Every structure is written in C-alpha cells, then in structure tokens.
C-alpha cells in the first residue's frame, strides 16, 4: 500500500520555528534558487535534478538527526513530495512544505524594542525580507509599511491594548503588495501616504516636516526622494528612524525601478542628497529599515543599526556625489520579480483578483551596497 505523504503549511512551520521546536528543514531546490533566498536554519542538498530523474541516492548524503521531524522544501511543493516519499520509506517522520518557497514568502516573525514612552514591534516576512512596524504609545498605535495580512497587526495591537490610529507607508512599494489600505479600512484608522497623485484611492497626504501625534510620542516626516520620487523617512521621538527603502542596515536603496536611464540618474542624485540629510542626524539614532536582503532568523533580534555604525560600515555613504552616482549605477541588481504588476496593484489599492503567493514570490532586491 502506498504511503501517503503529509503536507505541512507555512503557518504551522512558522509556528514551529517561532516556538523553537526541533525540526530539520531540508531544502532540495536548485542551487541558484537556494542562493537567492532560503528558510532560516534550513539544511541544503543539491538534489533537484537527481530527484526529478528518479535518483533517490542523493538523500543518503543527508545526515538527519534521529527522532526529529523533517520538512522537505522546494520551489512550489512538488519535488519536495518526492523527497518526502523517499524519506518516509526510511521510517522518518517527514512532511512536505505545501506551496514550497512561494508559500513561505508569507511567513513572518517578530522582535521588539521598547523604552519608557514607546514600544516598537518589528514584523518581518522572514523569506521575503519585508519589514514592517507596529508602534504603540499609551493606548494608540501606528503601522508603518504593512506587508503581512491585517490580522497579524490587529491581533498584536489587541494583545497590547492598543487601538490602531494610523496606517502609513514610506513609499509606493514595488516588491510586495501593500496591506496598508486594507488594514486602515478594517481598523477605521487614518491612512497616510507621501504626497503624490499616482494612487487611485483616497488617503491623507503627508508632507516634509509634518508631525503625527501618537500617545505621548510623535512621528515626524522627512522627505527622502531617490528610491522613489515620493519616498519618506519617519523620525520618531528624535530616536528611531524608519527609513523604508532609502537606507538599510548595510546598503542604500535602488533608484531605477519604473525609471529610464535619465530618470534613474536624476533619482540617484536625489538619493545622494536624501542620504546626506539623514547623515546629519545624531549618531545614536537607531535606523529601522523597510527591508533586508537576508532571511530573518526566528531569534527575536531587531533588525537595526545605529547611524554612527552605518557611517563606518557602508562604503557608499563615504563617497562624494559623483562617485556615489557612478558606483550605484554600476551596481544595480536584477529587478524584483513581477515588480511592474505589484506596483500596478499598489496604485490601484486592490489585489483581490490575484494570488499574493504567486505575485510576491522571490527574494528582495531593493538594496545596493
């Protein structure tokens, strides 16, 4: 009798990893896919071609610990079933990740920062690299760059006895679908976006130097064009800097998406000036980016860096304008998958007619270092 292979969904595996449950995640994708993005802590064997050709001996090369469940992973959840079927014959408790890495792009974890006036919950799409924030002060909260389903933010707000008052984006995103409009509608929060006339829905416009009050805290908008024309950075309590895709912990934002060469050059110069503006802020300011290029571990460690450390570690920030422009233009990476379609949906403010798993799959490519 054929043994039935059990699937495990993204939310269950995410919960296991979040709870530090012992599990052996085995990635069997081609190496080029593995090199671009992966599940934190996963193990790898270059097995794809051999499994597809019926050569199961490749799995003998994998040293799997005893009495630990195994989750096999591929791009879409088909080749992983082949691997799981073979491992099951060996008496191993094994599951195939349903939907593969495409589905895993929705997985998230969190970490927290807090002081006497403010608590910041950093919500990270661990595979996709998208980073969003829920900030709470007294009984009020604001969400910055919402990128996971609305229930994540509403549940976390409820756990902290916060009412979501504002939802805000740093810019019009190109590598993930913004959940900001949907979240604002569900929570009756005010939706803020940088001033522009591109989107096809109503929102409150935020301008340079505008301030939003949140409990005993305040958020100040700093106009930082470059990654996009409308990009904003948000400065909270003169201490925390939410930089979106303008500045990362180890890189700067790319200026070329939806831009021809002339527009890219103009935006590169604007990005340089924006970065110079941010570099004048106090050196102990904590930079909290909107993305990261690496899979984010389930370690409860906030993705952050102090401005003084960035100045030392990111070579791009040490260049003059001409060298910055020339260097950046030479280092522009491949464009994110489906970015034109994602931008289109974000301009419309509605993605009910598409499957986010298909549209958002793939690693983040917003940074240049």
Protein backbone atom coordinates (compact mmCIF):
# COMPACT_ATOMS: atom_id res chain seq x y z
CA UNK A 1 0.00 0.00 0.00
CA UNK A 2 1.37 3.40 -1.00
CA UNK A 3 2.28 5.58 1.94
CA UNK A 4 0.53 8.97 1.91
CA UNK A 5 2.83 11.96 2.28
CA UNK A 6 1.75 14.52 4.83
CA UNK A 7 1.93 18.21 3.94
CA UNK A 8 2.66 20.99 6.37
CA UNK A 9 1.51 24.53 5.67
CA UNK A 10 3.51 27.71 6.07
CA UNK A 11 1.73 28.84 9.22
CA UNK A 12 2.40 25.57 11.04
CA UNK A 13 6.09 25.53 10.11
CA UNK A 14 6.34 29.21 11.01
CA UNK A 15 4.85 28.47 14.43
CA UNK A 16 7.22 25.55 14.99
CA UNK A 17 10.24 27.71 14.25
CA UNK A 18 8.86 30.58 16.31
CA UNK A 19 8.40 28.23 19.28
CA UNK A 20 11.90 26.80 18.76
CA UNK A 21 10.51 23.32 18.14
CA UNK A 22 13.11 20.83 16.95
CA UNK A 23 12.66 20.36 13.20
CA UNK A 24 15.02 19.52 10.33
CA UNK A 25 14.13 21.63 7.29
CA UNK A 26 15.63 20.12 4.14
CA UNK A 27 15.83 22.33 1.03
CA UNK A 28 16.10 20.35 -2.25
CA UNK A 29 15.91 23.20 -4.77
CA UNK A 30 18.48 24.03 -7.47
CA UNK A 31 21.47 25.91 -6.05
CA UNK A 32 20.67 29.22 -7.81
CA UNK A 33 17.29 29.32 -6.09
CA UNK A 34 18.80 28.44 -2.72
CA UNK A 35 21.45 31.16 -3.09
CA UNK A 36 18.80 33.84 -3.56
CA UNK A 37 16.55 33.09 -0.58
CA UNK A 38 16.03 30.35 1.98
CA UNK A 39 14.35 29.41 5.24
CA UNK A 40 16.49 30.39 8.25
CA UNK A 41 18.27 27.41 9.78
CA UNK A 42 17.40 25.10 6.90
CA UNK A 43 19.75 22.44 5.54
CA UNK A 44 20.53 22.06 1.87
CA UNK A 45 21.27 19.29 -0.59
CA UNK A 46 21.56 19.96 -4.33
CA UNK A 47 19.05 17.22 -5.14
CA UNK A 48 16.58 18.72 -7.59
CA UNK A 49 17.87 17.20 -10.87
CA UNK A 50 18.64 13.81 -9.37
CA UNK A 51 15.25 13.54 -7.67
CA UNK A 52 13.47 14.55 -10.89
CA UNK A 53 15.40 11.86 -12.77
CA UNK A 54 14.46 9.21 -10.20
CA UNK A 55 17.86 9.04 -8.48
CA UNK A 56 16.99 8.83 -4.77
CA UNK A 57 20.53 8.06 -3.65
CA UNK A 58 21.20 11.78 -3.19
CA UNK A 59 19.17 11.67 0.04
CA UNK A 60 21.61 9.16 1.52
CA UNK A 61 24.12 12.02 1.63
CA UNK A 62 21.95 13.91 4.13
CA UNK A 63 22.67 13.28 7.79
CA UNK A 64 19.33 13.63 9.52
CA UNK A 65 19.22 13.58 13.32
CA UNK A 66 17.15 10.82 14.92
CA UNK A 67 13.66 11.43 16.30
CA UNK A 68 13.37 14.88 14.73
CA UNK A 69 10.58 15.65 12.22
CA UNK A 70 11.79 16.58 8.73
CA UNK A 71 10.18 19.17 6.44
CA UNK A 72 11.22 18.98 2.79
CA UNK A 73 11.14 22.18 0.74
CA UNK A 74 11.26 23.04 -2.97
CA UNK A 75 10.01 25.98 -5.02
CA UNK A 76 6.33 25.07 -5.28
CA UNK A 77 5.85 21.90 -3.20
CA UNK A 78 6.13 19.15 -5.81
CA UNK A 79 9.75 17.94 -5.82
CA UNK A 80 9.69 18.13 -2.03
CA UNK A 81 6.99 15.45 -2.07
CA UNK A 82 9.31 13.14 -3.99
CA UNK A 83 11.98 13.68 -1.33
CA UNK A 84 9.48 13.23 1.48
CA UNK A 85 8.20 9.98 -0.03
CA UNK A 86 11.70 8.52 -0.10
CA UNK A 87 12.50 9.62 3.47
CA UNK A 88 9.21 8.15 4.69
CA UNK A 89 10.36 4.76 3.42
CA UNK A 90 13.23 5.07 5.90
CA UNK A 91 10.77 5.40 8.78
CA UNK A 92 11.35 9.13 9.18
CA UNK A 93 8.58 11.47 10.33
CA UNK A 94 8.51 13.74 7.30
CA UNK A 95 6.34 16.47 5.83
CA UNK A 96 6.42 18.35 2.53
CA UNK A 97 6.02 22.14 2.73
CA UNK A 98 2.75 22.89 0.99
CA UNK A 99 3.25 25.51 -1.73
CA UNK A 100 7.02 25.45 -1.24
CA UNK A 101 9.06 28.64 -1.03
CA UNK A 102 6.36 30.53 -2.89
CA UNK A 103 4.02 29.98 0.05
CA UNK A 104 6.84 30.56 2.54
CA UNK A 105 7.13 34.15 1.27
CA UNK A 106 4.17 34.97 3.55
CA UNK A 107 5.84 33.59 6.71
CA UNK A 108 6.74 36.13 9.38
CA UNK A 109 8.29 36.54 12.79
CA UNK A 110 8.72 39.48 15.16
CA UNK A 111 11.08 41.25 17.54
CA UNK A 112 10.55 44.15 19.93
CA UNK A 113 12.14 47.40 21.07
CA UNK A 114 10.79 49.44 23.93
CA UNK A 115 11.51 52.44 26.11
CA UNK A 116 9.52 54.37 28.71
CA UNK A 117 7.28 56.05 26.11
CA UNK A 118 7.14 53.69 23.19
CA UNK A 119 7.03 50.04 22.19
CA UNK A 120 8.03 49.01 18.68
CA UNK A 121 7.11 45.60 17.27
CA UNK A 122 9.13 44.77 14.18
CA UNK A 123 7.22 42.34 11.95
CA UNK A 124 9.46 40.56 9.43
CA UNK A 125 8.49 38.47 6.42
CA UNK A 126 11.34 36.10 7.03
CA UNK A 127 11.69 34.78 3.48
CA UNK A 128 10.74 37.90 1.54
CA UNK A 129 12.78 40.30 3.67
CA UNK A 130 9.95 42.82 4.04
CA UNK A 131 9.99 44.60 7.39
CA UNK A 132 7.00 46.45 8.84
CA UNK A 133 6.33 48.03 12.21
CA UNK A 134 3.62 48.37 14.82
CA UNK A 135 4.37 51.26 17.18
CA UNK A 136 2.38 51.75 20.35
CA UNK A 137 2.29 54.56 22.90
CA UNK A 138 -0.27 54.65 25.72
CA UNK A 139 -3.32 53.07 24.04
CA UNK A 140 -2.65 54.25 20.47
CA UNK A 141 -0.75 52.56 17.64
CA UNK A 142 0.53 53.22 14.13
CA UNK A 143 1.51 50.69 11.47
CA UNK A 144 4.37 51.50 9.09
CA UNK A 145 4.68 49.67 5.72
CA UNK A 146 2.11 46.93 6.34
CA UNK A 147 3.19 43.85 4.38
CA UNK A 148 1.50 40.85 6.04
CA UNK A 149 -2.17 40.04 6.49
CA UNK A 150 -4.16 42.53 8.55
CA UNK A 151 -4.90 40.02 11.32
CA UNK A 152 -1.24 39.99 12.33
CA UNK A 153 -1.35 43.70 13.17
CA UNK A 154 -4.82 43.68 14.72
CA UNK A 155 -4.00 40.68 16.91
CA UNK A 156 -0.73 42.21 18.12
CA UNK A 157 -2.48 45.51 18.80
CA UNK A 158 -5.18 43.71 20.80
CA UNK A 159 -2.55 41.85 22.84
CA UNK A 160 -1.03 45.21 23.80
CA UNK A 161 -4.35 47.00 24.41
CA UNK A 162 -3.69 49.40 21.52
CA UNK A 163 -6.10 50.93 19.06
CA UNK A 164 -4.58 51.35 15.61
CA UNK A 165 -4.96 55.07 14.92
CA UNK A 166 -2.83 55.49 11.80
CA UNK A 167 -1.59 53.33 8.96
CA UNK A 168 1.23 54.80 6.89
CA UNK A 169 3.54 53.80 4.02
CA UNK A 170 7.02 55.18 3.35
CA UNK A 171 6.51 54.95 -0.44
CA UNK A 172 4.70 53.06 -3.18
CA UNK A 173 6.17 49.58 -2.95
CA UNK A 174 7.42 47.52 -5.88
CA UNK A 175 8.37 44.17 -4.33
CA UNK A 176 5.38 43.44 -2.11
CA UNK A 177 1.70 44.22 -2.02
CA UNK A 178 0.93 46.95 0.47
CA UNK A 179 -1.65 45.89 3.03
CA UNK A 180 -1.99 49.49 4.26
CA UNK A 181 -5.29 50.39 2.62
CA UNK A 182 -6.95 47.14 3.64
CA UNK A 183 -5.68 47.44 7.23
CA UNK A 184 -6.86 51.05 7.54
CA UNK A 185 -10.31 50.05 6.33
CA UNK A 186 -10.57 47.13 8.76
CA UNK A 187 -9.45 49.19 11.77
CA UNK A 188 -11.08 52.53 10.81
CA UNK A 189 -7.61 54.05 11.06
CA UNK A 190 -6.48 57.09 9.09
CA UNK A 191 -4.44 56.11 6.05
CA UNK A 192 -1.41 58.30 5.33
CA UNK A 193 0.90 58.21 2.32
CA UNK A 194 3.56 60.58 0.98
CA UNK A 195 2.07 63.36 -1.13
CA UNK A 196 1.68 62.17 -4.75
CA UNK A 197 -1.06 61.79 -7.34
CA UNK A 198 -0.28 58.26 -8.51
CA UNK A 199 -2.64 56.08 -6.47
CA UNK A 200 -6.31 55.64 -7.34
CA UNK A 201 -7.78 55.78 -3.84
CA UNK A 202 -8.27 58.30 -1.07
CA UNK A 203 -5.63 58.90 1.60
CA UNK A 204 -4.29 61.65 3.82
CA UNK A 205 -1.20 63.27 2.32
CA UNK A 206 1.87 63.60 4.49
CA UNK A 207 4.49 66.21 3.66
CA UNK A 208 8.01 67.05 4.73
CA UNK A 209 8.13 68.14 8.41
CA UNK A 210 4.53 67.03 9.09
CA UNK A 211 4.04 65.53 12.54
CA UNK A 212 1.66 62.83 13.74
CA UNK A 213 0.98 62.53 17.48
CA UNK A 214 0.81 59.04 18.93
CA UNK A 215 0.06 58.79 22.64
CA UNK A 216 2.98 60.55 24.31
CA UNK A 217 5.13 60.24 21.16
CA UNK A 218 5.38 61.92 17.81
CA UNK A 219 6.35 60.94 14.29
CA UNK A 220 7.99 63.48 12.00
CA UNK A 221 8.09 63.06 8.21
CA UNK A 222 11.37 63.66 6.40
CA UNK A 223 11.20 63.84 2.62
CA UNK A 224 13.85 61.49 1.19
CA UNK A 225 13.32 61.03 -2.57
CA UNK A 226 15.58 58.71 -4.53
CA UNK A 227 14.41 55.14 -4.23
CA UNK A 228 11.11 56.57 -5.44
CA UNK A 229 10.20 60.19 -6.08
CA UNK A 230 7.76 60.26 -3.16
CA UNK A 231 9.84 58.32 -0.58
CA UNK A 232 9.55 59.46 3.03
CA UNK A 233 11.50 58.60 6.15
CA UNK A 234 9.77 58.81 9.54
CA UNK A 235 11.62 60.05 12.63
CA UNK A 236 10.04 59.04 15.94
CA UNK A 237 10.87 60.82 19.19
CA UNK A 238 14.21 62.02 17.77
CA UNK A 239 15.50 58.48 18.32
CA UNK A 240 14.09 55.96 15.84
CA UNK A 241 14.42 56.39 12.08
CA UNK A 242 12.10 54.38 9.85
CA UNK A 243 13.83 54.58 6.51
CA UNK A 244 11.70 52.40 4.23
CA UNK A 245 13.81 51.52 1.19
CA UNK A 246 16.01 54.62 1.34
CA UNK A 247 18.61 53.30 3.77
CA UNK A 248 19.24 49.76 5.02
CA UNK A 249 21.48 48.34 7.73
CA UNK A 250 24.16 47.51 5.15
CA UNK A 251 23.17 49.25 1.92
CA UNK A 252 21.23 52.04 0.21
CA UNK A 253 18.06 51.89 -1.86
CA UNK A 254 17.98 51.35 -5.62
CA UNK A 255 16.74 54.29 -7.73
CA UNK A 256 15.88 52.61 -11.04
CA UNK A 257 12.51 50.89 -10.69
CA UNK A 258 9.97 52.22 -13.19
CA UNK A 259 12.56 54.73 -14.47
CA UNK A 260 14.52 55.13 -17.69
CA UNK A 261 18.24 55.93 -17.61
CA UNK A 262 17.81 59.71 -17.34
CA UNK A 263 15.22 59.36 -14.58
CA UNK A 264 17.45 56.85 -12.80
CA UNK A 265 20.37 59.28 -12.86
CA UNK A 266 18.16 62.08 -11.52
CA UNK A 267 16.83 59.85 -8.76
CA UNK A 268 20.37 58.72 -7.90
CA UNK A 269 21.37 62.33 -7.31
CA UNK A 270 18.21 62.87 -5.24
CA UNK A 271 19.03 59.76 -3.22
CA UNK A 272 22.52 61.07 -2.51
CA UNK A 273 21.08 64.34 -1.18
CA UNK A 274 18.48 62.48 0.89
CA UNK A 275 21.16 60.32 2.46
CA UNK A 276 23.27 63.34 3.25
CA UNK A 277 20.28 64.83 5.03
CA UNK A 278 19.84 61.69 7.14
CA UNK A 279 23.55 61.53 7.94
CA UNK A 280 23.33 64.91 9.70
CA UNK A 281 21.04 63.42 12.37
CA UNK A 282 22.51 62.49 15.78
CA UNK A 283 24.83 59.48 15.56
CA UNK A 284 23.00 57.46 18.20
CA UNK A 285 19.79 57.47 16.13
CA UNK A 286 18.57 53.90 15.51
CA UNK A 287 17.91 53.06 11.85
CA UNK A 288 15.00 50.68 11.27
CA UNK A 289 14.76 49.73 7.58
CA UNK A 290 11.84 48.56 5.46
CA UNK A 291 13.68 45.54 4.07
CA UNK A 292 16.65 43.28 4.50
CA UNK A 293 18.39 41.13 1.91
CA UNK A 294 18.91 38.11 4.17
CA UNK A 295 16.38 35.62 5.58
CA UNK A 296 15.40 36.87 9.02
CA UNK A 297 16.06 34.38 11.81
CA UNK A 298 13.49 33.42 14.43
CA UNK A 299 15.77 34.97 17.04
CA UNK A 300 13.76 37.91 18.44
CA UNK A 301 16.63 40.22 17.46
CA UNK A 302 15.56 43.52 15.92
CA UNK A 303 16.98 44.36 12.50
CA UNK A 304 18.57 47.69 13.39
CA UNK A 305 21.78 49.71 13.36
CA UNK A 306 22.93 52.99 14.84
CA UNK A 307 23.70 55.78 12.42
CA UNK A 308 27.32 56.02 13.59
CA UNK A 309 27.85 52.37 12.73
CA UNK A 310 26.28 52.80 9.30
CA UNK A 311 28.62 55.65 8.50
CA UNK A 312 31.57 53.37 9.19
CA UNK A 313 30.32 50.17 7.58
CA UNK A 314 28.54 51.22 4.37
CA UNK A 315 31.13 52.35 1.85
CA UNK A 316 28.54 54.04 -0.38
CA UNK A 317 27.90 56.60 2.35
CA UNK A 318 31.53 57.74 2.29
CA UNK A 319 31.56 58.72 -1.40
CA UNK A 320 31.14 62.17 -2.92
CA UNK A 321 28.14 62.74 -5.19
CA UNK A 322 29.91 61.93 -8.45
CA UNK A 323 31.49 58.72 -7.17
CA UNK A 324 28.25 57.73 -5.45
CA UNK A 325 26.32 58.15 -8.69
CA UNK A 326 28.81 56.25 -10.83
CA UNK A 327 29.21 53.43 -8.31
CA UNK A 328 25.50 52.99 -7.72
CA UNK A 329 24.66 52.91 -11.44
CA UNK A 330 27.25 50.15 -11.94
CA UNK A 331 25.83 48.01 -9.13
CA UNK A 332 22.11 47.99 -9.91
CA UNK A 333 20.89 44.40 -9.46
CA UNK A 334 18.27 42.49 -11.44
CA UNK A 335 14.77 43.84 -10.96
CA UNK A 336 12.43 42.17 -8.45
CA UNK A 337 10.11 39.52 -9.93
CA UNK A 338 6.71 40.84 -11.02
CA UNK A 339 7.53 44.35 -9.79
CA UNK A 340 5.52 46.09 -12.52
CA UNK A 341 2.42 44.06 -11.64
CA UNK A 342 2.96 44.71 -7.93
CA UNK A 343 3.26 48.46 -8.49
CA UNK A 344 0.09 48.37 -10.60
CA UNK A 345 -1.82 46.65 -7.78
CA UNK A 346 -0.45 49.05 -5.17
CA UNK A 347 -1.51 52.03 -7.28
CA UNK A 348 -4.97 50.54 -7.53
CA UNK A 349 -5.06 49.64 -3.85
CA UNK A 350 -6.74 46.32 -4.58
CA UNK A 351 -5.20 42.91 -5.17
CA UNK A 352 -8.29 40.78 -4.58
CA UNK A 353 -8.07 39.39 -8.12
CA UNK A 354 -4.56 37.91 -7.74
CA UNK A 355 -2.82 35.32 -5.58
CA UNK A 356 -0.19 37.11 -3.43
CA UNK A 357 1.80 33.86 -3.19
CA UNK A 358 2.35 33.85 -6.95
CA UNK A 359 2.88 37.59 -7.33
CA UNK A 360 5.24 38.16 -4.39
CA UNK A 361 7.39 35.04 -4.65
CA UNK A 362 11.14 35.66 -4.76
CA UNK A 363 13.81 37.42 -2.76
CA UNK A 364 14.03 41.13 -2.05
CA UNK A 365 16.19 43.17 -4.44
CA UNK A 366 15.79 46.75 -3.24
CA UNK A 367 19.30 47.27 -1.85
CA UNK A 368 22.63 48.31 -3.36
CA UNK A 369 25.85 48.02 -1.37
